[in-house]
Protein backbone atom coordinates (compact mmCIF):
# COMPACT_ATOMS: atom_id res chain seq x y z
CA MET A 1 -11.45 1.04 27.38
CA SER A 2 -13.28 4.21 26.45
CA ARG A 3 -16.09 4.57 24.01
CA ILE A 4 -16.43 7.83 22.05
CA ARG A 5 -19.62 9.08 20.44
CA HIS A 6 -19.33 11.13 17.27
CA ALA A 7 -21.32 13.54 15.15
CA ARG A 8 -21.32 14.13 11.41
CA ALA A 9 -20.72 17.55 9.84
CA SER A 10 -23.32 19.09 7.57
CA ARG A 11 -22.77 20.50 4.07
CA LEU A 12 -23.58 24.01 2.87
CA ALA A 13 -26.50 24.33 0.45
CA VAL A 14 -26.44 27.20 -2.08
CA THR A 15 -29.40 28.67 -3.92
CA ALA A 16 -29.32 29.75 -7.54
CA ALA A 17 -30.13 33.32 -6.50
CA THR A 18 -26.76 33.67 -4.81
CA ALA A 19 -24.75 31.75 -7.37
CA ALA A 20 -23.19 34.78 -9.04
CA LEU A 21 -22.12 36.35 -5.76
CA LEU A 22 -20.79 33.02 -4.53
CA ALA A 23 -18.83 32.44 -7.71
CA ALA A 24 -17.18 35.82 -7.31
CA ALA A 25 -16.27 34.94 -3.73
CA LEU A 26 -14.95 31.49 -4.59
CA PHE A 27 -12.98 32.50 -7.66
CA PRO A 28 -11.73 36.06 -7.10
CA THR A 29 -9.95 37.83 -9.93
CA THR A 30 -7.40 39.29 -7.57
CA ALA A 31 -5.06 37.51 -5.22
CA GLY A 32 -6.78 36.13 -2.16
CA ALA A 33 -7.92 33.00 -0.38
CA ALA A 34 -10.18 30.94 -2.63
CA GLU A 35 -12.11 27.90 -1.50
CA ARG A 36 -10.51 24.64 -2.56
CA PRO A 37 -12.21 22.82 -5.44
CA THR A 38 -14.20 19.76 -4.44
CA ARG A 39 -13.37 16.25 -5.60
CA ASP A 40 -16.20 16.40 -8.14
CA GLN A 41 -14.98 19.73 -9.47
CA ALA A 42 -11.48 18.33 -9.86
CA VAL A 43 -12.84 15.37 -11.82
CA GLU A 44 -14.84 17.71 -14.08
CA ASN A 45 -11.77 19.88 -14.66
CA ALA A 46 -9.69 16.81 -15.47
CA ALA A 47 -12.31 15.59 -17.96
CA VAL A 48 -11.99 18.89 -19.83
CA ALA A 49 -8.21 18.58 -19.78
CA LEU A 50 -8.40 15.02 -21.12
CA ALA A 51 -10.45 16.17 -24.09
CA GLN A 52 -7.97 18.95 -24.81
CA GLN A 53 -4.81 16.91 -24.20
CA ALA A 54 -5.88 13.56 -25.66
CA GLY A 55 -3.12 13.57 -28.25
CA ALA A 56 -0.37 14.48 -25.82
CA LEU A 57 -1.56 11.73 -23.44
CA GLY A 58 -1.76 9.14 -26.19
CA LEU A 59 -5.53 8.72 -25.84
CA THR A 60 -7.45 7.42 -28.86
CA ALA A 61 -11.03 6.39 -29.61
CA ALA A 62 -10.08 2.78 -28.78
CA GLN A 63 -9.21 3.73 -25.22
CA GLY A 64 -11.27 4.41 -22.11
CA THR A 65 -10.41 5.98 -18.76
CA ARG A 66 -11.68 5.61 -15.19
CA VAL A 67 -10.89 7.81 -12.15
CA ARG A 68 -9.06 5.92 -9.41
CA ASP A 69 -8.08 8.67 -6.94
CA VAL A 70 -8.23 12.47 -6.48
CA ILE A 71 -5.90 14.71 -4.48
CA VAL A 72 -6.68 18.43 -3.97
CA ASP A 73 -3.88 20.44 -2.38
CA GLN A 74 -4.47 23.22 0.15
CA ASP A 75 -3.84 25.82 -2.54
CA GLY A 76 -6.41 24.21 -4.85
CA THR A 77 -3.97 22.41 -7.13
CA GLN A 78 -5.62 19.20 -8.34
CA HIS A 79 -4.25 15.75 -9.18
CA VAL A 80 -6.63 13.21 -10.73
CA ARG A 81 -5.40 9.63 -11.18
CA TYR A 82 -6.78 7.45 -13.98
CA ASP A 83 -6.74 3.81 -15.06
CA ARG A 84 -6.92 3.10 -18.78
CA THR A 85 -8.52 0.46 -21.02
CA TYR A 86 -7.89 -0.49 -24.63
CA GLN A 87 -10.76 -2.07 -26.55
CA GLN A 88 -12.36 -2.49 -23.08
CA LEU A 89 -9.36 -4.51 -21.82
CA PRO A 90 -7.43 -3.31 -18.74
CA VAL A 91 -4.07 -1.78 -19.61
CA LEU A 92 -1.23 -2.68 -17.26
CA GLY A 93 0.94 0.42 -17.14
CA GLY A 94 -1.78 2.56 -18.67
CA ASP A 95 -2.38 4.59 -15.52
CA PHE A 96 -1.60 8.29 -15.38
CA VAL A 97 -2.13 11.36 -13.19
CA VAL A 98 -3.45 14.66 -14.57
CA HIS A 99 -2.11 17.72 -12.74
CA LEU A 100 -4.27 20.88 -12.75
CA ALA A 101 -3.75 24.43 -11.52
CA PRO A 102 -6.12 25.84 -8.85
CA ASP A 103 -8.23 27.36 -11.62
CA GLY A 104 -8.57 23.93 -13.27
CA SER A 105 -6.20 24.55 -16.16
CA TYR A 106 -3.89 21.76 -17.29
CA ARG A 107 -0.34 21.71 -15.92
CA GLY A 108 0.93 18.31 -16.99
CA ALA A 109 0.70 14.59 -16.35
CA SER A 110 2.62 11.72 -14.76
CA ARG A 111 2.37 8.59 -16.89
CA ALA A 112 3.30 4.99 -16.12
CA THR A 113 4.32 4.47 -19.74
CA ARG A 114 4.68 6.83 -22.69
CA GLY A 115 4.71 4.53 -25.71
CA THR A 116 1.99 4.43 -28.35
CA LEU A 117 -0.83 2.11 -27.31
CA SER A 118 -1.94 0.16 -30.36
CA LEU A 119 -2.38 -3.56 -31.05
CA PRO A 120 -3.02 -5.32 -34.38
CA SER A 121 -5.60 -7.56 -32.69
CA VAL A 122 -7.14 -8.31 -29.32
CA THR A 123 -7.81 -11.93 -30.26
CA PRO A 124 -5.44 -14.31 -28.43
CA LEU A 125 -3.61 -17.16 -30.13
CA LEU A 126 -2.91 -18.82 -26.77
CA SER A 127 -6.07 -20.27 -25.25
CA ALA A 128 -7.22 -19.37 -21.74
CA PRO A 129 -6.87 -23.00 -20.48
CA LYS A 130 -3.24 -23.09 -21.64
CA ALA A 131 -2.56 -19.78 -19.88
CA ALA A 132 -4.16 -21.23 -16.74
CA ASP A 133 -1.95 -24.33 -16.95
CA HIS A 134 1.14 -22.17 -17.35
CA ALA A 135 0.25 -20.13 -14.23
CA ALA A 136 -0.54 -23.25 -12.20
CA ASN A 137 2.84 -24.70 -13.10
CA SER A 138 4.52 -21.43 -12.17
CA LEU A 139 2.90 -21.55 -8.73
CA ARG A 140 3.94 -25.16 -8.27
CA ALA A 141 7.50 -24.24 -9.21
CA THR A 142 7.66 -21.82 -6.28
CA ARG A 143 6.59 -24.59 -3.86
CA LEU A 144 8.81 -27.46 -5.00
CA GLY A 145 8.39 -30.66 -2.96
CA GLU A 146 5.05 -29.48 -1.52
CA ALA A 147 1.67 -30.90 -2.48
CA LEU A 148 -0.69 -28.04 -3.22
CA LYS A 149 -4.43 -28.55 -2.76
CA ARG A 150 -7.40 -26.93 -4.51
CA LEU A 151 -5.20 -25.21 -7.05
CA THR A 152 -7.19 -23.02 -9.43
CA ALA A 153 -6.22 -20.41 -12.01
CA LYS A 154 -8.31 -17.72 -13.70
CA PRO A 155 -6.91 -16.01 -16.82
CA GLU A 156 -7.98 -12.47 -17.74
CA LEU A 157 -7.13 -10.88 -21.07
CA VAL A 158 -5.23 -7.58 -20.65
CA VAL A 159 -2.94 -5.27 -22.55
CA ASP A 160 0.56 -5.26 -21.10
CA ALA A 161 2.25 -1.89 -21.48
CA LEU A 162 4.60 -2.39 -18.54
CA HIS A 163 7.19 -4.50 -20.31
CA GLY A 164 8.22 -2.61 -23.43
CA THR A 165 6.13 -2.63 -26.60
CA PRO A 166 2.43 -3.11 -25.66
CA LYS A 167 1.19 -6.63 -26.25
CA LEU A 168 -1.90 -8.71 -25.64
CA ALA A 169 -1.44 -10.85 -22.53
CA TRP A 170 -3.17 -13.20 -20.16
CA ARG A 171 -3.01 -12.12 -16.51
CA THR A 172 -3.69 -15.28 -14.54
CA ASN A 173 -4.21 -15.48 -10.79
CA ALA A 174 -3.26 -18.93 -9.52
CA VAL A 175 -4.24 -19.79 -5.93
CA ALA A 176 -3.98 -22.91 -3.79
CA LEU A 177 -3.68 -24.17 -0.23
CA ASP A 178 -0.39 -25.47 1.10
CA GLY A 179 0.03 -28.58 3.23
CA ARG A 180 -1.30 -26.76 6.31
CA GLY A 181 -4.30 -25.36 4.49
CA ASN A 182 -2.88 -21.84 4.28
CA PRO A 183 -3.16 -19.77 1.09
CA VAL A 184 -0.48 -19.36 -1.54
CA ALA A 185 -1.02 -17.29 -4.67
CA ARG A 186 0.84 -16.08 -7.72
CA THR A 187 -0.03 -13.85 -10.65
CA VAL A 188 1.49 -14.83 -13.99
CA LEU A 189 1.59 -12.61 -17.08
CA THR A 190 1.75 -14.60 -20.34
CA ASP A 191 2.04 -13.34 -23.91
CA ALA A 192 -1.35 -14.18 -25.42
CA ARG A 193 0.11 -14.71 -28.87
CA SER A 194 3.48 -16.40 -28.34
CA GLY A 195 2.74 -18.13 -25.02
CA ALA A 196 5.98 -16.83 -23.45
CA GLN A 197 5.92 -15.83 -19.80
CA ILE A 198 6.36 -12.08 -19.44
CA ASP A 199 6.44 -11.77 -15.64
CA ALA A 200 5.19 -13.39 -12.45
CA TRP A 201 4.78 -12.20 -8.87
CA ASP A 202 3.30 -13.22 -5.52
CA THR A 203 -0.27 -11.99 -5.17
CA LEU A 204 -0.65 -11.73 -1.40
CA GLU A 205 1.04 -8.48 -0.34
CA SER A 206 2.47 -9.64 2.96
CA ALA A 207 4.83 -8.70 5.80
CA SER A 208 6.90 -11.73 4.86
CA GLY A 209 7.16 -13.32 8.23
CA GLU A 210 5.11 -14.59 10.80
CA GLY A 211 -1.40 -8.83 19.67
CA ARG A 212 -5.22 -6.80 27.75
CA SER A 213 -3.00 -6.47 23.87
CA LEU A 214 -0.13 -8.83 23.23
CA TYR A 215 2.40 -6.17 22.27
CA GLY A 216 1.07 -2.67 23.00
CA GLY A 217 0.02 -2.90 26.64
CA THR A 218 -3.36 -1.50 27.62
CA VAL A 219 -4.69 0.50 24.69
CA PRO A 220 -7.85 2.56 24.07
CA LEU A 221 -10.51 1.17 21.71
CA GLU A 222 -13.59 2.70 20.14
CA THR A 223 -16.37 0.10 20.18
CA THR A 224 -20.07 -0.18 19.36
CA ALA A 225 -22.73 -0.85 22.00
CA THR A 226 -25.29 -3.44 20.89
CA GLY A 227 -27.93 -4.12 23.52
CA SER A 228 -26.20 -5.42 26.64
CA SER A 229 -22.81 -6.07 24.98
CA TYR A 230 -20.21 -4.44 22.78
CA GLN A 231 -18.77 -5.19 19.37
CA LEU A 232 -15.15 -4.61 18.33
CA THR A 233 -16.38 -2.23 15.62
CA ASP A 234 -15.17 1.35 15.45
CA PRO A 235 -17.92 3.79 14.38
CA THR A 236 -15.45 6.70 14.40
CA ARG A 237 -13.23 5.16 11.75
CA GLY A 238 -15.60 4.05 9.04
CA GLY A 239 -16.95 1.04 10.89
CA THR A 240 -13.64 -0.83 10.81
CA TYR A 241 -13.94 -4.06 12.77
CA THR A 242 -11.94 -7.11 13.81
CA GLY A 243 -13.23 -10.65 13.46
CA ASP A 244 -12.16 -14.20 14.32
CA ALA A 245 -11.13 -16.34 11.33
CA ALA A 246 -11.43 -19.45 13.56
CA ASN A 247 -8.13 -20.80 12.19
CA ARG A 248 -9.74 -21.40 8.84
CA SER A 249 -8.52 -20.35 5.39
CA ASP A 250 -10.14 -18.97 2.24
CA LEU A 251 -11.16 -21.29 -0.60
CA CYS A 252 -10.84 -19.36 -3.84
CA LEU A 253 -11.59 -20.78 -7.26
CA LEU A 254 -10.46 -19.40 -10.60
CA GLY A 255 -8.01 -17.12 -8.92
CA THR A 256 -10.23 -14.41 -7.47
CA ILE A 257 -13.67 -16.01 -6.97
CA CYS A 258 -13.70 -17.06 -3.33
CA VAL A 259 -16.48 -19.57 -2.81
CA VAL A 260 -15.57 -19.89 0.86
CA ARG A 261 -14.07 -17.13 2.94
CA ALA A 262 -12.54 -17.78 6.31
CA PRO A 263 -14.98 -16.21 8.76
CA SER A 264 -14.55 -12.76 10.20
CA THR A 265 -16.94 -13.14 13.12
CA VAL A 266 -16.82 -9.82 14.91
CA PHE A 267 -15.54 -10.06 18.49
CA THR A 268 -18.01 -9.16 21.25
CA ASP A 269 -17.58 -8.45 24.97
CA ALA A 270 -19.97 -7.95 27.88
CA ASP A 271 -18.13 -5.21 29.83
CA ASN A 272 -16.09 -3.47 27.11
CA GLN A 273 -12.83 -4.75 28.63
CA TRP A 274 -11.03 -6.73 25.90
CA GLY A 275 -8.39 -9.44 26.17
CA ASP A 276 -5.94 -10.32 28.90
CA GLY A 277 -2.65 -9.71 27.12
CA THR A 278 -1.87 -13.40 26.54
CA THR A 279 -2.30 -15.73 23.61
CA THR A 280 -4.60 -17.99 25.66
CA ASP A 281 -7.34 -15.35 25.23
CA ARG A 282 -8.19 -15.16 21.53
CA VAL A 283 -9.36 -11.59 21.99
CA SER A 284 -5.86 -10.33 22.82
CA ALA A 285 -4.61 -10.61 19.24
CA ALA A 286 -7.81 -8.92 18.10
CA VAL A 287 -7.03 -5.99 20.39
CA ASP A 288 -3.66 -5.55 18.69
CA ALA A 289 -5.16 -5.72 15.21
CA GLN A 290 -7.94 -3.24 15.99
CA TYR A 291 -5.55 -0.89 17.81
CA GLY A 292 -3.13 -1.08 14.89
CA THR A 293 -5.89 -0.26 12.41
CA ASP A 294 -7.08 2.65 14.57
CA THR A 295 -3.58 4.03 14.90
CA THR A 296 -2.83 3.70 11.19
CA TRP A 297 -6.13 5.38 10.27
CA ASP A 298 -5.25 8.25 12.63
CA TYR A 299 -1.76 8.59 11.22
CA PHE A 300 -2.95 8.97 7.65
CA HIS A 301 -5.84 11.26 8.72
CA ASP A 302 -3.96 13.48 11.17
CA VAL A 303 -0.68 13.72 9.28
CA HIS A 304 -1.71 13.49 5.63
CA GLY A 305 -5.40 14.41 5.68
CA ARG A 306 -6.44 11.04 4.21
CA ASN A 307 -9.84 9.78 5.36
CA GLY A 308 -9.40 6.01 5.39
CA ILE A 309 -7.64 3.62 3.06
CA ALA A 310 -9.43 4.73 -0.09
CA GLY A 311 -9.84 8.33 1.06
CA ASP A 312 -13.63 7.90 1.15
CA GLY A 313 -14.15 7.47 4.90
CA LYS A 314 -15.08 3.80 4.58
CA GLY A 315 -13.50 1.26 6.88
CA SER A 316 -12.11 -2.17 6.13
CA TYR A 317 -11.82 -5.13 8.47
CA ASN A 318 -9.28 -7.39 10.16
CA ARG A 319 -9.24 -11.15 10.44
CA VAL A 320 -7.09 -12.70 13.18
CA HIS A 321 -6.33 -16.36 13.93
CA TYR A 322 -6.18 -17.16 10.24
CA GLY A 323 -5.08 -20.62 9.11
CA THR A 324 -2.99 -23.19 10.96
CA ARG A 325 0.31 -22.00 12.43
CA TYR A 326 0.20 -19.39 9.67
CA ALA A 327 3.38 -17.33 9.98
CA ASN A 328 2.35 -14.38 7.86
CA ALA A 329 -0.01 -11.45 7.42
CA PHE A 330 -1.42 -9.97 4.24
CA TRP A 331 -3.54 -7.32 2.60
CA ASP A 332 -6.12 -8.61 0.09
CA ASP A 333 -7.73 -6.24 -2.41
CA THR A 334 -10.54 -8.71 -3.13
CA CYS A 335 -11.92 -8.50 0.41
CA PHE A 336 -10.52 -5.03 1.21
CA CYS A 337 -9.21 -6.52 4.44
CA MET A 338 -6.12 -7.29 6.51
CA THR A 339 -5.49 -10.87 7.62
CA TYR A 340 -3.15 -12.11 10.36
CA GLY A 341 -1.86 -15.54 11.28
CA ASP A 342 -0.85 -16.76 14.74
CA GLY A 343 2.70 -17.68 13.75
CA ASP A 344 4.27 -21.04 14.43
CA GLY A 345 5.13 -20.32 18.07
CA THR A 346 8.80 -21.09 17.52
CA ASN A 347 9.98 -18.51 15.04
CA MET A 348 7.00 -16.17 15.14
CA GLY A 349 4.15 -15.23 17.44
CA PRO A 350 0.87 -13.68 16.22
CA LEU A 351 1.68 -11.18 13.48
CA VAL A 352 -0.35 -8.29 14.87
CA SER A 353 2.31 -5.88 16.10
CA LEU A 354 1.85 -2.17 15.41
CA ASP A 355 4.39 -1.89 12.60
CA ILE A 356 2.98 -4.96 10.83
CA THR A 357 -0.65 -3.79 11.05
CA GLY A 358 0.48 -0.41 9.74
CA HIS A 359 2.40 -2.17 6.98
CA GLU A 360 -0.64 -4.13 5.80
CA MET A 361 -3.06 -1.19 5.90
CA ALA A 362 -0.52 0.87 3.94
CA HIS A 363 -0.69 -1.78 1.19
CA GLY A 364 -4.34 -0.81 0.88
CA VAL A 365 -3.43 2.87 0.53
CA THR A 366 -0.92 1.99 -2.18
CA SER A 367 -3.53 -0.11 -4.01
CA LYS A 368 -5.87 2.91 -4.13
CA THR A 369 -3.19 5.37 -5.26
CA ALA A 370 -0.06 4.48 -7.21
CA ALA A 371 -0.95 0.74 -7.34
CA LEU A 372 2.73 -0.13 -7.66
CA THR A 373 3.00 -3.41 -9.54
CA TYR A 374 4.02 -6.18 -7.14
CA SER A 375 7.00 -7.25 -9.24
CA GLY A 376 10.51 -6.03 -10.00
CA GLU A 377 11.62 -2.67 -8.68
CA SER A 378 8.06 -1.34 -8.43
CA GLY A 379 7.26 -4.33 -6.20
CA GLY A 380 10.21 -3.48 -3.97
CA LEU A 381 8.90 0.08 -3.75
CA ASN A 382 5.44 -1.30 -2.87
CA GLU A 383 6.91 -3.26 0.04
CA SER A 384 9.16 -0.39 1.04
CA THR A 385 6.17 1.98 1.11
CA SER A 386 4.48 -0.31 3.62
CA ASP A 387 7.62 -0.62 5.75
CA ILE A 388 8.05 3.17 5.73
CA PHE A 389 4.48 3.92 6.75
CA GLY A 390 4.34 1.01 9.21
CA THR A 391 7.42 2.48 10.91
CA LEU A 392 6.03 6.03 10.89
CA VAL A 393 2.78 4.72 12.39
CA GLU A 394 4.77 3.11 15.19
CA PHE A 395 6.55 6.39 15.94
CA HIS A 396 3.29 8.37 15.64
CA ALA A 397 1.54 6.12 18.17
CA GLY A 398 3.97 7.02 20.97
CA ASN A 399 3.19 3.70 22.69
CA GLY A 400 5.50 3.10 25.64
CA SER A 401 5.21 -0.67 25.27
CA ASP A 402 6.10 -0.63 21.59
CA LYS A 403 8.37 2.34 21.01
CA GLY A 404 9.18 3.58 17.56
CA ASP A 405 12.27 2.22 15.83
CA TRP A 406 13.44 1.23 12.37
CA LEU A 407 13.08 -2.51 12.97
CA ILE A 408 10.20 -4.37 11.34
CA GLY A 409 8.40 -7.07 13.36
CA GLU A 410 10.74 -7.03 16.33
CA LYS A 411 7.80 -7.76 18.64
CA VAL A 412 6.65 -10.89 16.83
CA VAL A 413 9.93 -12.78 16.34
CA ARG A 414 10.74 -15.61 18.75
CA GLU A 415 14.05 -17.15 19.80
CA GLY A 416 13.94 -19.70 17.01
CA PHE A 417 13.98 -16.97 14.37
CA GLY A 418 17.63 -16.19 15.10
CA ARG A 419 17.40 -12.43 14.55
CA GLU A 420 15.94 -9.51 16.49
CA ALA A 421 13.56 -8.48 13.74
CA LEU A 422 12.17 -9.40 10.34
CA ARG A 423 13.89 -6.45 8.64
CA HIS A 424 16.28 -3.62 9.56
CA MET A 425 15.72 -0.36 7.71
CA ASP A 426 18.99 1.26 8.82
CA ARG A 427 21.03 -1.57 7.35
CA PRO A 428 18.73 -3.88 5.38
CA SER A 429 21.46 -6.44 4.62
CA ARG A 430 21.53 -7.45 8.30
CA ASP A 431 18.89 -10.04 7.42
CA GLY A 432 21.35 -11.68 5.02
CA LEU A 433 19.11 -11.21 1.98
CA SER A 434 17.98 -7.60 1.57
CA ALA A 435 19.80 -5.05 -0.57
CA ASP A 436 21.39 -1.96 0.96
CA CYS A 437 22.26 -0.42 -2.41
CA TRP A 438 20.76 -0.33 -5.88
CA THR A 439 22.37 -2.41 -8.61
CA ALA A 440 21.22 -3.33 -12.09
CA THR A 441 19.98 -6.68 -10.72
CA ALA A 442 17.72 -5.15 -8.05
CA GLY A 443 14.59 -5.88 -10.07
CA SER A 444 15.32 -9.62 -10.04
CA LEU A 445 15.23 -9.84 -6.23
CA ASP A 446 12.19 -10.89 -4.22
CA VAL A 447 10.23 -7.71 -3.50
CA HIS A 448 10.76 -8.12 0.25
CA TYR A 449 14.52 -7.91 -0.36
CA SER A 450 14.67 -5.25 -3.09
CA SER A 451 12.58 -3.14 -0.69
CA GLY A 452 15.79 -2.70 1.28
CA ILE A 453 16.94 0.00 -1.15
CA GLY A 454 13.87 2.15 -0.46
CA ASN A 455 14.02 1.37 3.26
CA HIS A 456 17.68 2.39 3.43
CA PHE A 457 16.90 5.65 1.58
CA ALA A 458 14.00 6.39 3.96
CA TYR A 459 16.13 5.82 7.05
CA LEU A 460 18.94 8.02 5.74
CA LEU A 461 16.56 10.81 4.75
CA ALA A 462 14.89 10.80 8.16
CA GLU A 463 17.75 10.00 10.54
CA GLY A 464 20.97 10.47 8.58
CA SER A 465 23.99 8.18 8.41
CA GLY A 466 26.16 6.89 11.26
CA ALA A 467 25.56 5.13 14.56
CA LYS A 468 22.87 6.23 17.04
CA ALA A 469 20.38 4.89 19.57
CA ILE A 470 16.69 5.53 18.88
CA ASN A 471 14.31 4.79 21.76
CA GLY A 472 16.92 2.44 23.20
CA ALA A 473 17.47 0.49 19.96
CA ALA A 474 20.88 0.61 18.30
CA HIS A 475 20.92 1.81 14.70
CA ASP A 476 23.91 2.18 12.39
CA SER A 477 23.64 3.13 8.75
CA ASP A 478 26.46 3.36 6.25
CA THR A 479 26.12 4.82 2.77
CA CYS A 480 26.87 3.04 -0.50
CA ASP A 481 28.99 5.90 -1.86
CA GLY A 482 30.90 6.72 1.33
CA SER A 483 29.07 10.02 1.82
CA THR A 484 27.68 11.46 5.03
CA VAL A 485 23.96 12.16 4.98
CA LYS A 486 22.18 14.55 7.34
CA GLY A 487 18.59 13.59 8.08
CA VAL A 488 15.61 15.94 7.82
CA GLY A 489 13.39 14.11 10.33
CA ARG A 490 10.64 11.51 10.16
CA ALA A 491 7.80 14.00 9.63
CA LYS A 492 9.38 15.37 6.47
CA LEU A 493 10.16 11.89 5.18
CA GLY A 494 6.49 10.97 5.61
CA ALA A 495 5.26 14.14 3.91
CA ILE A 496 7.60 13.68 0.96
CA TRP A 497 6.90 9.96 0.49
CA TYR A 498 3.11 10.36 0.79
CA ARG A 499 3.00 13.15 -1.76
CA ALA A 500 5.24 11.22 -4.13
CA LEU A 501 3.06 8.10 -3.75
CA THR A 502 -0.28 9.84 -4.22
CA VAL A 503 0.63 12.49 -6.78
CA TYR A 504 3.58 11.34 -8.88
CA MET A 505 4.20 7.58 -8.66
CA THR A 506 2.42 5.22 -11.05
CA SER A 507 2.16 1.45 -11.39
CA SER A 508 5.48 1.19 -13.24
CA THR A 509 7.61 3.47 -11.03
CA ASP A 510 11.07 2.03 -10.43
CA TYR A 511 13.83 3.35 -8.15
CA ALA A 512 14.98 5.98 -10.64
CA GLY A 513 11.35 7.04 -10.97
CA ALA A 514 11.00 7.15 -7.18
CA ARG A 515 13.96 9.52 -7.02
CA THR A 516 12.24 11.79 -9.54
CA ALA A 517 8.88 11.55 -7.75
CA THR A 518 10.29 12.32 -4.30
CA LEU A 519 12.34 15.23 -5.64
CA LYS A 520 9.19 16.66 -7.21
CA ALA A 521 7.35 16.14 -3.92
CA ALA A 522 10.13 17.83 -1.93
CA GLY A 523 10.12 20.71 -4.40
CA ASP A 524 6.36 21.10 -4.02
CA LEU A 525 6.52 21.03 -0.23
CA TYR A 526 9.74 22.90 0.55
CA GLY A 527 11.04 24.41 -2.70
CA ALA A 528 13.55 23.20 -5.26
CA ASP A 529 16.31 25.23 -3.59
CA SER A 530 15.54 23.90 -0.09
CA ALA A 531 17.71 21.81 2.23
CA GLU A 532 14.99 19.12 2.09
CA TYR A 533 15.21 18.89 -1.70
CA ALA A 534 18.98 18.54 -1.53
CA ALA A 535 18.67 15.91 1.23
CA VAL A 536 16.37 13.78 -0.91
CA GLY A 537 18.91 13.78 -3.72
CA ALA A 538 21.76 13.02 -1.33
CA ALA A 539 19.90 10.12 0.31
CA TRP A 540 19.11 8.53 -3.06
CA SER A 541 22.71 8.94 -4.19
CA ALA A 542 23.78 7.31 -0.93
CA VAL A 543 21.95 4.11 -1.96
CA ASN A 544 23.29 4.28 -5.55
CA VAL A 545 20.13 5.71 -7.12
CA GLY A 546 21.43 8.70 -9.01
């Protein structure tokens, strides 16, 4: 494996004496190439716009805002994403994006909800302990017949603007360990006045299944020399590292306070040659996880210009060998990390294949941008976003041992699983559970199954309908309306979806909203009269989103 040294770029310093001349150069009065505004300038411009547009955005003295993400286009157009509070309480569905022209003037906004945000009181009638009991029972109900251990629940008072008229609510994170000591978690939203359950969803954003490398052959790694040995830490990608969880699990109390974390002891090696390609060497799975993280980082950086998960150049970390026969993988906001189990050996092997690692890291990108609520149709879009980017990462890698296709987790499934992959994006219903087409009941499906609608759209937009072989794998995609769809290619799918996710989607975006967001993105990138714009509309119509 190679080791690459790197250097940091310097920043230009400007004196006050040249400020006037520089301003004229940066902001010319005639047409010409102007330097793009910085992130800080975009935030300042957005603050001015907020003050001017407070009424139109529904902002009042009782509300507060906080910047979550900033996108500055090549032409200087700015998009600043905000979270909102009401009487210092988080507002679910209060997020919005302010869109600014290159000169900083206000162009408009994308809002998760548009209703008036006002409550008669922020004092709950339902006590926090009762909300905690309700959430604990909800978690138990999803694991019927199984004894849960160390079950805790932490209620947090919020304002729910996602489900109709804004109301005071308890958002309670309930966590426990199952019979094998592996984590289970559920977030429950309860009306803080009536006690009625508003919504509930799984908290761990997972791949829903069960790493020289196990799956990718011999792969390059960037490592860190420490004395006479090396650490599996990548200094070129924000210090991202991979550690051994030692088959232990997290112990979290009150929902999000983890008093014990499974370890993430960074892997070390004497000669910088990692793993032997088998599961008997614990390093092999770590190679897959680190390689997957590297490749995903590069995809988002090289293709979309994003510098790390949060866009700030900071790395996260991986934990492999998590839990006991743990047949899953997940992204966790609370540790800003990806975690991978070893599978049960019968249905699943270690869940560290390239598309799964890309899937989990993409959950992190979503959490720092649109933050699609992990419930209902927005939850399906959250999962679909990770499947889309995990697949595009696999294609982008060009790895001969794990060629790109539209199957999810095909490398990790074992004979006992009974299918060739966890999910099939060309025809999602091949798994027997996922939806090919939108219906009015889509929001009631598990998010891993309602994601099929977005996955089907993505496949059609990229590849088109009909039967074909892609890198030796058979694909065959029908349409829900009997139409024929011509694909525009994977690169354009990625560009459109990324722009829609980072610029137009919000926490409450559903499939109809995703159609609107992707059409706006296609219009921005290719023009509203372009073949790409028309293809987006046709692909959504082909999955019954019209």
